[in-house]
Amino acid sequence: MTFQTIEVEATFAIDGWPNPSALYWAGEALTVVDVGRRWKDEDGIHMLARVQDERVFELHTNGSVWRGRVISEPPHTA
């Protein structure tokens, strides 16, 4: 899946890394419950964020725009 422009609520630490607390995906407000791997490259900051329904998003920001994509869905139980 390609990145989509999204809204993210985040604070920034003194070292410049964002700490997201919520994101808005497809009109739904999702609480971030855990942040995983973070990395920087030439196009900005990337990080993995898990939300309350166990989906994992890759978030990307260049400092002014946030983009996101789902990279992992929780297993479905019968």
C-alpha atoms as a PDB file:
ATOM      1  CA  MET A   1       0.000   0.000   0.000  1.00  0.00           C
ATOM      2  CA  THR A   2       1.232   3.481  -0.795  1.00  0.00           C
ATOM      3  CA  PHE A   3       1.487   6.305   1.687  1.00  0.00           C
ATOM      4  CA  GLN A   4      -1.529   8.546   2.239  1.00  0.00           C
ATOM      5  CA  THR A   5      -1.504  12.036   3.728  1.00  0.00           C
ATOM      6  CA  ILE A   6      -2.897  11.819   7.275  1.00  0.00           C
ATOM      7  CA  GLU A   7      -3.204  13.861  10.456  1.00  0.00           C
ATOM      8  CA  VAL A   8      -1.035  12.878  13.415  1.00  0.00           C
ATOM      9  CA  GLU A   9      -1.026  14.255  16.950  1.00  0.00           C
ATOM     10  CA  ALA A  10       2.554  14.253  18.182  1.00  0.00           C
ATOM     11  CA  THR A  11       4.957  16.016  20.460  1.00  0.00           C
ATOM     12  CA  PHE A  12       8.602  16.383  19.559  1.00  0.00           C
ATOM     13  CA  ALA A  13      11.404  15.454  21.936  1.00  0.00           C
ATOM     14  CA  ILE A  14      14.403  17.723  22.395  1.00  0.00           C
ATOM     15  CA  ASP A  15      16.396  15.406  20.105  1.00  0.00           C
ATOM     16  CA  GLY A  16      13.886  16.044  17.273  1.00  0.00           C
ATOM     17  CA  TRP A  17      12.137  12.667  17.285  1.00  0.00           C
ATOM     18  CA  PRO A  18       8.331  12.844  17.176  1.00  0.00           C
ATOM     19  CA  ASN A  19       6.243  10.977  19.743  1.00  0.00           C
ATOM     20  CA  PRO A  20       2.850  10.303  18.134  1.00  0.00           C
ATOM     21  CA  SER A  21      -0.165   9.849  20.418  1.00  0.00           C
ATOM     22  CA  ALA A  22      -2.963   9.609  17.831  1.00  0.00           C
ATOM     23  CA  LEU A  23      -3.515   9.410  14.109  1.00  0.00           C
ATOM     24  CA  TYR A  24      -6.531   9.896  11.886  1.00  0.00           C
ATOM     25  CA  TRP A  25      -6.975   7.183   9.266  1.00  0.00           C
ATOM     26  CA  ALA A  26      -9.958   6.985   6.881  1.00  0.00           C
ATOM     27  CA  GLY A  27     -11.969   9.320   9.121  1.00  0.00           C
ATOM     28  CA  GLU A  28     -11.231   7.282  12.249  1.00  0.00           C
ATOM     29  CA  ALA A  29      -9.299   8.579  15.275  1.00  0.00           C
ATOM     30  CA  LEU A  30      -6.817   5.935  16.449  1.00  0.00           C
ATOM     31  CA  THR A  31      -4.785   6.003  19.659  1.00  0.00           C
ATOM     32  CA  VAL A  32      -1.116   5.089  19.301  1.00  0.00           C
ATOM     33  CA  VAL A  33      -0.252   2.530  21.997  1.00  0.00           C
ATOM     34  CA  ASP A  34       3.354   1.762  21.049  1.00  0.00           C
ATOM     35  CA  VAL A  35       6.110   3.154  18.851  1.00  0.00           C
ATOM     36  CA  GLY A  36       8.684   0.784  17.417  1.00  0.00           C
ATOM     37  CA  ARG A  37      11.583   1.202  15.057  1.00  0.00           C
ATOM     38  CA  ARG A  38      12.476   4.769  14.018  1.00  0.00           C
ATOM     39  CA  TRP A  39      14.818   5.893  11.267  1.00  0.00           C
ATOM     40  CA  LYS A  40      15.797   8.935   9.256  1.00  0.00           C
ATOM     41  CA  ASP A  41      16.577   9.083   5.556  1.00  0.00           C
ATOM     42  CA  GLU A  42      16.853  11.773   2.900  1.00  0.00           C
ATOM     43  CA  ASP A  43      13.072  12.312   2.765  1.00  0.00           C
ATOM     44  CA  GLY A  44      12.471  12.669   6.515  1.00  0.00           C
ATOM     45  CA  ILE A  45      11.634  10.646   9.600  1.00  0.00           C
ATOM     46  CA  HIS A  46       9.967   7.226   9.521  1.00  0.00           C
ATOM     47  CA  MET A  47       8.608   5.181  12.416  1.00  0.00           C
ATOM     48  CA  LEU A  48       6.411   2.213  13.156  1.00  0.00           C
ATOM     49  CA  ALA A  49       3.362   2.849  15.335  1.00  0.00           C
ATOM     50  CA  ARG A  50       0.881   0.303  16.719  1.00  0.00           C
ATOM     51  CA  VAL A  51      -2.674   1.472  17.406  1.00  0.00           C
ATOM     52  CA  GLN A  52      -5.277   0.110  19.833  1.00  0.00           C
ATOM     53  CA  ASP A  53      -6.776  -2.388  17.349  1.00  0.00           C
ATOM     54  CA  GLU A  54      -3.277  -3.907  16.814  1.00  0.00           C
ATOM     55  CA  ARG A  55      -2.713  -2.523  13.303  1.00  0.00           C
ATOM     56  CA  VAL A  56       0.820  -1.312  12.686  1.00  0.00           C
ATOM     57  CA  PHE A  57       1.388   1.809  10.613  1.00  0.00           C
ATOM     58  CA  GLU A  58       4.522   3.170   9.053  1.00  0.00           C
ATOM     59  CA  LEU A  59       4.428   6.911   9.664  1.00  0.00           C
ATOM     60  CA  HIS A  60       6.564   9.389   7.761  1.00  0.00           C
ATOM     61  CA  THR A  61       7.039  13.114   8.229  1.00  0.00           C
ATOM     62  CA  ASN A  62       9.210  15.671   6.521  1.00  0.00           C
ATOM     63  CA  GLY A  63       8.516  18.203   9.286  1.00  0.00           C
ATOM     64  CA  SER A  64       5.403  19.711   7.745  1.00  0.00           C
ATOM     65  CA  VAL A  65       3.357  16.823   6.307  1.00  0.00           C
ATOM     66  CA  TRP A  66       2.550  13.422   7.794  1.00  0.00           C
ATOM     67  CA  ARG A  67       1.963  10.353   5.649  1.00  0.00           C
ATOM     68  CA  GLY A  68       1.030   6.854   6.703  1.00  0.00           C
ATOM     69  CA  ARG A  69       0.321   3.349   5.495  1.00  0.00           C
ATOM     70  CA  VAL A  70      -0.836   0.146   7.161  1.00  0.00           C
ATOM     71  CA  ILE A  71       1.952  -2.429   7.142  1.00  0.00           C
ATOM     72  CA  SER A  72       0.445  -5.079   9.426  1.00  0.00           C
ATOM     73  CA  GLU A  73      -3.088  -6.155  10.282  1.00  0.00           C
ATOM     74  CA  PRO A  74      -3.895  -8.216  13.396  1.00  0.00           C
ATOM     75  CA  PRO A  75      -4.734 -11.863  12.797  1.00  0.00           C
ATOM     76  CA  HIS A  76      -8.462 -12.434  12.519  1.00  0.00           C
ATOM     77  CA  THR A  77      -9.988 -14.868  14.961  1.00  0.00           C
ATOM     78  CA  ALA A  78     -12.963 -17.017  14.068  1.00  0.00           C
END
